[in-house]
Amino acid sequence: MSKRDQRRQSLIALATTGTIMNRSRVIDALEALSRMDVGTYGTCIDCNERIANARLDARPEALRCIECQHLHDQYLAA
């Protein structure tokens, strides 16, 4: 198998295993760590309200409260 074919297979594998989504979560986690450093962790980046502890327990990298995340997801889907 040529190097080009190997790269193609690797790219297909990355696309189909959700690696892109995991990368997004890594980026969100790094942003959340940065927000911890400046004291804004746990505050929604859209409405500035406190993110529920249950949400932070489930998704510690969450940048939005559940309501704003829902609106954000709807916007992205449109």
C-alpha atoms as a PDB file:
ATOM      1  CA  MET A   1       0.000   0.000   0.000  1.00  0.00           C
ATOM      2  CA  SER A   2       1.360   3.398  -0.931  1.00  0.00           C
ATOM      3  CA  LYS A   3       2.002   6.123   1.625  1.00  0.00           C
ATOM      4  CA  ARG A   4      -0.819   8.145   0.051  1.00  0.00           C
ATOM      5  CA  ASP A   5      -3.275   5.256   0.517  1.00  0.00           C
ATOM      6  CA  GLN A   6      -2.153   4.819   4.125  1.00  0.00           C
ATOM      7  CA  ARG A   7      -2.789   8.506   4.803  1.00  0.00           C
ATOM      8  CA  ARG A   8      -6.175   8.288   3.137  1.00  0.00           C
ATOM      9  CA  GLN A   9      -7.154   5.330   5.322  1.00  0.00           C
ATOM     10  CA  SER A  10      -5.928   7.156   8.408  1.00  0.00           C
ATOM     11  CA  LEU A  11      -8.013  10.213   7.522  1.00  0.00           C
ATOM     12  CA  ILE A  12     -11.098   8.078   6.927  1.00  0.00           C
ATOM     13  CA  ALA A  13     -10.539   6.342  10.268  1.00  0.00           C
ATOM     14  CA  LEU A  14     -10.223   9.696  12.045  1.00  0.00           C
ATOM     15  CA  ALA A  15     -13.399  10.986  10.425  1.00  0.00           C
ATOM     16  CA  THR A  16     -15.436   7.917  11.294  1.00  0.00           C
ATOM     17  CA  THR A  17     -14.269   7.387  14.878  1.00  0.00           C
ATOM     18  CA  GLY A  18     -15.347  10.767  16.176  1.00  0.00           C
ATOM     19  CA  THR A  19     -11.811  12.040  16.658  1.00  0.00           C
ATOM     20  CA  ILE A  20     -12.826  15.460  15.380  1.00  0.00           C
ATOM     21  CA  MET A  21     -15.479  15.674  18.112  1.00  0.00           C
ATOM     22  CA  ASN A  22     -12.944  14.567  20.718  1.00  0.00           C
ATOM     23  CA  ARG A  23     -10.573  17.273  19.520  1.00  0.00           C
ATOM     24  CA  SER A  24     -13.309  19.812  20.045  1.00  0.00           C
ATOM     25  CA  ARG A  25     -13.769  18.561  23.611  1.00  0.00           C
ATOM     26  CA  VAL A  26     -10.017  18.854  24.204  1.00  0.00           C
ATOM     27  CA  ILE A  27     -10.117  22.456  22.998  1.00  0.00           C
ATOM     28  CA  ASP A  28     -13.129  23.149  25.241  1.00  0.00           C
ATOM     29  CA  ALA A  29     -11.287  21.565  28.180  1.00  0.00           C
ATOM     30  CA  LEU A  30      -8.248  23.785  27.605  1.00  0.00           C
ATOM     31  CA  GLU A  31     -10.519  26.823  27.451  1.00  0.00           C
ATOM     32  CA  ALA A  32     -12.240  25.730  30.665  1.00  0.00           C
ATOM     33  CA  LEU A  33      -8.838  25.402  32.377  1.00  0.00           C
ATOM     34  CA  SER A  34      -7.998  28.915  31.240  1.00  0.00           C
ATOM     35  CA  ARG A  35     -11.309  30.153  32.631  1.00  0.00           C
ATOM     36  CA  MET A  36     -10.447  28.479  35.941  1.00  0.00           C
ATOM     37  CA  ASP A  37      -7.217  30.484  36.028  1.00  0.00           C
ATOM     38  CA  VAL A  38      -9.067  33.774  35.614  1.00  0.00           C
ATOM     39  CA  GLY A  39     -11.984  32.873  37.875  1.00  0.00           C
ATOM     40  CA  THR A  40     -14.772  32.622  35.308  1.00  0.00           C
ATOM     41  CA  TYR A  41     -15.083  28.822  35.202  1.00  0.00           C
ATOM     42  CA  GLY A  42     -18.678  27.684  35.641  1.00  0.00           C
ATOM     43  CA  THR A  43     -20.134  30.885  34.199  1.00  0.00           C
ATOM     44  CA  CYS A  44     -21.973  30.595  30.878  1.00  0.00           C
ATOM     45  CA  ILE A  45     -20.110  32.404  28.097  1.00  0.00           C
ATOM     46  CA  ASP A  46     -23.403  33.519  26.517  1.00  0.00           C
ATOM     47  CA  CYS A  47     -25.728  34.615  29.323  1.00  0.00           C
ATOM     48  CA  ASN A  48     -23.187  35.010  32.183  1.00  0.00           C
ATOM     49  CA  GLU A  49     -25.347  32.884  34.488  1.00  0.00           C
ATOM     50  CA  ARG A  50     -23.930  30.086  36.616  1.00  0.00           C
ATOM     51  CA  ILE A  51     -23.712  26.690  34.883  1.00  0.00           C
ATOM     52  CA  ALA A  52     -25.531  24.039  36.929  1.00  0.00           C
ATOM     53  CA  ASN A  53     -23.260  21.790  38.970  1.00  0.00           C
ATOM     54  CA  ALA A  54     -24.944  18.705  37.498  1.00  0.00           C
ATOM     55  CA  ARG A  55     -23.941  19.896  34.024  1.00  0.00           C
ATOM     56  CA  LEU A  56     -20.383  20.601  35.113  1.00  0.00           C
ATOM     57  CA  ASP A  57     -20.249  17.168  36.753  1.00  0.00           C
ATOM     58  CA  ALA A  58     -21.320  15.560  33.486  1.00  0.00           C
ATOM     59  CA  ARG A  59     -19.303  17.846  31.162  1.00  0.00           C
ATOM     60  CA  PRO A  60     -16.619  19.689  33.101  1.00  0.00           C
ATOM     61  CA  GLU A  61     -15.517  21.388  29.888  1.00  0.00           C
ATOM     62  CA  ALA A  62     -18.974  22.949  29.376  1.00  0.00           C
ATOM     63  CA  LEU A  63     -18.747  26.602  28.425  1.00  0.00           C
ATOM     64  CA  ARG A  64     -22.487  27.219  28.287  1.00  0.00           C
ATOM     65  CA  CYS A  65     -25.462  26.530  30.538  1.00  0.00           C
ATOM     66  CA  ILE A  66     -27.807  23.886  29.194  1.00  0.00           C
ATOM     67  CA  GLU A  67     -30.287  26.448  27.859  1.00  0.00           C
ATOM     68  CA  CYS A  68     -27.651  28.426  25.949  1.00  0.00           C
ATOM     69  CA  GLN A  69     -26.020  25.224  24.709  1.00  0.00           C
ATOM     70  CA  HIS A  70     -29.377  24.126  23.305  1.00  0.00           C
ATOM     71  CA  LEU A  71     -29.761  27.470  21.491  1.00  0.00           C
ATOM     72  CA  HIS A  72     -26.174  27.239  20.240  1.00  0.00           C
ATOM     73  CA  ASP A  73     -26.761  23.715  18.892  1.00  0.00           C
ATOM     74  CA  GLN A  74     -29.941  24.848  17.136  1.00  0.00           C
ATOM     75  CA  TYR A  75     -28.051  27.749  15.552  1.00  0.00           C
ATOM     76  CA  LEU A  76     -25.307  25.403  14.300  1.00  0.00           C
ATOM     77  CA  ALA A  77     -27.896  22.998  12.899  1.00  0.00           C
ATOM     78  CA  ALA A  78     -29.681  25.737  10.920  1.00  0.00           C
END
